[in-house]
Amino acid sequence: MFHPWRALRRLGHVALDWSRPHPATPGATNGIDMIWLDPRLNQVERRCVLTHELVHLEHGHTSCQPPAIEHTVRTETARRLIGLDRLIQALPWAMSPAELADELWVTELVLMDRLRTLTELERTTILARHEDTPQNP
């Protein structure tokens, strides 16, 4: 499981500022040595937004990015936070997207990004494992 706080700790040159970067943005980075997080985020939101900003930082994104880049960053964020094995384990019993997101300790937006960007091999693996799961009568 990816731990964004551990990843941040390993980046000793990166400072974290607990302030709202913009009224419409819960997080931001300068792409070099600074990440801003809205202090009003809950723990799950912080985990997801921090991961998102770490991906931007790794790619050196220094300002707002075009939609195609944001899509790539969101996809990478979702993949880091939701491993295929964890998704497969949680899927059979979750009764809703909210419940599944809660179990996976991500926001529903991150969950939807992960589900929308499953590869064909991942879909096949999920279906094969799901067929092996005993169903409740």
C-alpha atoms as a PDB file:
ATOM      1  CA  MET A   1       0.000   0.000   0.000  1.00  0.00           C
ATOM      2  CA  PHE A   2       1.276   3.451  -0.908  1.00  0.00           C
ATOM      3  CA  HIS A   3       1.821   5.748   2.080  1.00  0.00           C
ATOM      4  CA  PRO A   4       1.886   9.382   0.939  1.00  0.00           C
ATOM      5  CA  TRP A   5       3.061  10.661   4.316  1.00  0.00           C
ATOM      6  CA  ARG A   6       6.069   8.330   4.200  1.00  0.00           C
ATOM      7  CA  ALA A   7       6.763   9.426   0.623  1.00  0.00           C
ATOM      8  CA  LEU A   8       6.642  13.077   1.727  1.00  0.00           C
ATOM      9  CA  ARG A   9       8.948  12.362   4.681  1.00  0.00           C
ATOM     10  CA  ARG A  10      11.524  10.855   2.280  1.00  0.00           C
ATOM     11  CA  LEU A  11      11.513  14.140   0.350  1.00  0.00           C
ATOM     12  CA  GLY A  12      13.359  16.157   2.972  1.00  0.00           C
ATOM     13  CA  HIS A  13      13.554  19.231   0.735  1.00  0.00           C
ATOM     14  CA  VAL A  14       9.757  19.502   0.372  1.00  0.00           C
ATOM     15  CA  ALA A  15       7.861  21.654   2.866  1.00  0.00           C
ATOM     16  CA  LEU A  16       4.169  21.225   3.637  1.00  0.00           C
ATOM     17  CA  ASP A  17       2.074  24.316   4.262  1.00  0.00           C
ATOM     18  CA  TRP A  18      -1.351  23.822   5.862  1.00  0.00           C
ATOM     19  CA  SER A  19      -3.157  26.621   4.083  1.00  0.00           C
ATOM     20  CA  ARG A  20      -5.826  26.746   1.425  1.00  0.00           C
ATOM     21  CA  PRO A  21      -3.971  27.285  -1.851  1.00  0.00           C
ATOM     22  CA  HIS A  22      -6.994  28.545  -3.796  1.00  0.00           C
ATOM     23  CA  PRO A  23     -10.754  28.743  -3.140  1.00  0.00           C
ATOM     24  CA  ALA A  24     -11.453  25.968  -5.663  1.00  0.00           C
ATOM     25  CA  THR A  25      -8.379  23.802  -4.982  1.00  0.00           C
ATOM     26  CA  PRO A  26      -7.729  21.612  -1.935  1.00  0.00           C
ATOM     27  CA  GLY A  27      -4.018  21.231  -2.713  1.00  0.00           C
ATOM     28  CA  ALA A  28      -1.199  22.598  -4.818  1.00  0.00           C
ATOM     29  CA  THR A  29       2.526  22.330  -5.401  1.00  0.00           C
ATOM     30  CA  ASN A  30       5.184  24.540  -6.916  1.00  0.00           C
ATOM     31  CA  GLY A  31       6.715  21.415  -8.452  1.00  0.00           C
ATOM     32  CA  ILE A  32       9.996  21.956  -6.640  1.00  0.00           C
ATOM     33  CA  ASP A  33       9.922  22.113  -2.863  1.00  0.00           C
ATOM     34  CA  MET A  34       6.455  23.095  -1.612  1.00  0.00           C
ATOM     35  CA  ILE A  35       3.040  21.488  -1.176  1.00  0.00           C
ATOM     36  CA  TRP A  36      -0.029  23.291   0.141  1.00  0.00           C
ATOM     37  CA  LEU A  37      -2.976  21.387   1.648  1.00  0.00           C
ATOM     38  CA  ASP A  38      -6.279  22.822   2.797  1.00  0.00           C
ATOM     39  CA  PRO A  39      -6.399  22.257   6.583  1.00  0.00           C
ATOM     40  CA  ARG A  40     -10.155  21.595   6.413  1.00  0.00           C
ATOM     41  CA  LEU A  41      -9.651  18.289   4.572  1.00  0.00           C
ATOM     42  CA  ASN A  42     -10.497  15.135   6.475  1.00  0.00           C
ATOM     43  CA  GLN A  43      -7.916  12.364   6.859  1.00  0.00           C
ATOM     44  CA  VAL A  44      -8.931  10.434   3.731  1.00  0.00           C
ATOM     45  CA  GLU A  45      -9.073  13.615   1.649  1.00  0.00           C
ATOM     46  CA  ARG A  46      -5.618  14.618   2.914  1.00  0.00           C
ATOM     47  CA  ARG A  47      -4.226  11.236   1.899  1.00  0.00           C
ATOM     48  CA  CYS A  48      -5.684  11.510  -1.602  1.00  0.00           C
ATOM     49  CA  VAL A  49      -4.822  15.169  -2.215  1.00  0.00           C
ATOM     50  CA  LEU A  50      -1.281  14.701  -0.892  1.00  0.00           C
ATOM     51  CA  THR A  51      -0.741  11.764  -3.238  1.00  0.00           C
ATOM     52  CA  HIS A  52      -2.067  13.837  -6.139  1.00  0.00           C
ATOM     53  CA  GLU A  53       0.307  16.690  -5.327  1.00  0.00           C
ATOM     54  CA  LEU A  54       3.245  14.293  -4.895  1.00  0.00           C
ATOM     55  CA  VAL A  55       2.644  12.980  -8.417  1.00  0.00           C
ATOM     56  CA  HIS A  56       2.647  16.564  -9.730  1.00  0.00           C
ATOM     57  CA  LEU A  57       5.851  17.245  -7.788  1.00  0.00           C
ATOM     58  CA  GLU A  58       7.548  14.132  -9.180  1.00  0.00           C
ATOM     59  CA  HIS A  59       6.800  15.351 -12.692  1.00  0.00           C
ATOM     60  CA  GLY A  60       7.972  18.892 -11.931  1.00  0.00           C
ATOM     61  CA  HIS A  61       4.608  20.479 -12.683  1.00  0.00           C
ATOM     62  CA  THR A  62       4.992  24.074 -11.561  1.00  0.00           C
ATOM     63  CA  SER A  63       1.585  25.542 -12.362  1.00  0.00           C
ATOM     64  CA  CYS A  64      -1.924  24.587 -13.398  1.00  0.00           C
ATOM     65  CA  GLN A  65      -1.890  21.756 -15.910  1.00  0.00           C
ATOM     66  CA  PRO A  66      -4.024  21.099 -18.982  1.00  0.00           C
ATOM     67  CA  PRO A  67      -6.837  18.532 -18.671  1.00  0.00           C
ATOM     68  CA  ALA A  68      -4.813  15.732 -20.292  1.00  0.00           C
ATOM     69  CA  ILE A  69      -2.037  16.101 -17.696  1.00  0.00           C
ATOM     70  CA  GLU A  70      -4.571  16.279 -14.849  1.00  0.00           C
ATOM     71  CA  HIS A  71      -6.143  13.065 -16.158  1.00  0.00           C
ATOM     72  CA  THR A  72      -2.737  11.362 -16.122  1.00  0.00           C
ATOM     73  CA  VAL A  73      -2.017  12.589 -12.579  1.00  0.00           C
ATOM     74  CA  ARG A  74      -5.443  11.474 -11.339  1.00  0.00           C
ATOM     75  CA  THR A  75      -4.932   8.046 -12.917  1.00  0.00           C
ATOM     76  CA  GLU A  76      -1.516   7.643 -11.281  1.00  0.00           C
ATOM     77  CA  THR A  77      -2.918   8.832  -7.940  1.00  0.00           C
ATOM     78  CA  ALA A  78      -5.730   6.269  -8.063  1.00  0.00           C
ATOM     79  CA  ARG A  79      -3.345   3.454  -9.051  1.00  0.00           C
ATOM     80  CA  ARG A  80      -0.988   4.248  -6.181  1.00  0.00           C
ATOM     81  CA  LEU A  81      -3.737   4.410  -3.600  1.00  0.00           C
ATOM     82  CA  ILE A  82      -5.813   1.430  -4.792  1.00  0.00           C
ATOM     83  CA  GLY A  83      -3.834  -1.671  -5.579  1.00  0.00           C
ATOM     84  CA  LEU A  84      -5.582  -4.315  -7.646  1.00  0.00           C
ATOM     85  CA  ASP A  85      -5.441  -6.923  -4.871  1.00  0.00           C
ATOM     86  CA  ARG A  86      -7.055  -4.561  -2.352  1.00  0.00           C
ATOM     87  CA  LEU A  87      -9.739  -3.653  -4.877  1.00  0.00           C
ATOM     88  CA  ILE A  88     -10.476  -7.317  -5.569  1.00  0.00           C
ATOM     89  CA  GLN A  89     -10.704  -8.087  -1.835  1.00  0.00           C
ATOM     90  CA  ALA A  90     -13.104  -5.233  -1.120  1.00  0.00           C
ATOM     91  CA  LEU A  91     -15.381  -5.484  -4.163  1.00  0.00           C
ATOM     92  CA  PRO A  92     -17.477  -8.561  -3.221  1.00  0.00           C
ATOM     93  CA  TRP A  93     -18.895  -7.189   0.002  1.00  0.00           C
ATOM     94  CA  ALA A  94     -19.181  -3.439  -0.719  1.00  0.00           C
ATOM     95  CA  MET A  95     -22.808  -2.401  -1.117  1.00  0.00           C
ATOM     96  CA  SER A  96     -22.093   1.004  -2.701  1.00  0.00           C
ATOM     97  CA  PRO A  97     -19.295   3.130  -4.132  1.00  0.00           C
ATOM     98  CA  ALA A  98     -19.214   5.082  -0.865  1.00  0.00           C
ATOM     99  CA  GLU A  99     -18.738   1.904   1.146  1.00  0.00           C
ATOM    100  CA  LEU A 100     -16.046   0.654  -1.240  1.00  0.00           C
ATOM    101  CA  ALA A 101     -14.198   3.985  -1.115  1.00  0.00           C
ATOM    102  CA  ASP A 102     -14.381   3.954   2.678  1.00  0.00           C
ATOM    103  CA  GLU A 103     -12.946   0.436   2.843  1.00  0.00           C
ATOM    104  CA  LEU A 104     -10.135   1.385   0.470  1.00  0.00           C
ATOM    105  CA  TRP A 105      -9.490   4.606   2.434  1.00  0.00           C
ATOM    106  CA  VAL A 106      -9.910   6.891  -0.578  1.00  0.00           C
ATOM    107  CA  THR A 107     -12.448   9.427  -1.761  1.00  0.00           C
ATOM    108  CA  GLU A 108     -15.197   8.354  -4.130  1.00  0.00           C
ATOM    109  CA  LEU A 109     -13.567  10.504  -6.817  1.00  0.00           C
ATOM    110  CA  VAL A 110     -10.301   8.558  -6.524  1.00  0.00           C
ATOM    111  CA  LEU A 111     -12.236   5.275  -6.558  1.00  0.00           C
ATOM    112  CA  MET A 112     -14.099   6.311  -9.718  1.00  0.00           C
ATOM    113  CA  ASP A 113     -10.815   7.344 -11.359  1.00  0.00           C
ATOM    114  CA  ARG A 114      -9.400   3.894 -10.589  1.00  0.00           C
ATOM    115  CA  LEU A 115     -12.451   2.045 -11.876  1.00  0.00           C
ATOM    116  CA  ARG A 116     -12.648   4.144 -15.064  1.00  0.00           C
ATOM    117  CA  THR A 117      -9.005   3.476 -15.884  1.00  0.00           C
ATOM    118  CA  LEU A 118      -8.843  -0.268 -15.262  1.00  0.00           C
ATOM    119  CA  THR A 119      -6.884  -2.029 -17.964  1.00  0.00           C
ATOM    120  CA  GLU A 120      -8.429  -4.907 -19.872  1.00  0.00           C
ATOM    121  CA  LEU A 121      -6.153  -7.311 -17.990  1.00  0.00           C
ATOM    122  CA  GLU A 122      -7.269  -5.836 -14.645  1.00  0.00           C
ATOM    123  CA  ARG A 123     -10.943  -6.192 -15.637  1.00  0.00           C
ATOM    124  CA  THR A 124     -10.364  -9.798 -16.656  1.00  0.00           C
ATOM    125  CA  THR A 125      -8.553 -10.505 -13.381  1.00  0.00           C
ATOM    126  CA  ILE A 126     -11.359  -8.949 -11.324  1.00  0.00           C
ATOM    127  CA  LEU A 127     -14.020 -10.933 -13.162  1.00  0.00           C
ATOM    128  CA  ALA A 128     -12.072 -14.184 -12.826  1.00  0.00           C
ATOM    129  CA  ARG A 129     -11.534 -13.669  -9.100  1.00  0.00           C
ATOM    130  CA  HIS A 130     -15.139 -12.596  -8.606  1.00  0.00           C
ATOM    131  CA  GLU A 131     -16.368 -15.818 -10.246  1.00  0.00           C
ATOM    132  CA  ASP A 132     -14.273 -17.740  -7.704  1.00  0.00           C
ATOM    133  CA  THR A 133     -15.875 -15.889  -4.768  1.00  0.00           C
ATOM    134  CA  PRO A 134     -18.726 -17.789  -3.103  1.00  0.00           C
ATOM    135  CA  GLN A 135     -21.999 -15.891  -3.383  1.00  0.00           C
ATOM    136  CA  ASN A 136     -24.349 -15.474  -0.449  1.00  0.00           C
ATOM    137  CA  PRO A 137     -27.714 -17.204  -0.991  1.00  0.00           C
END
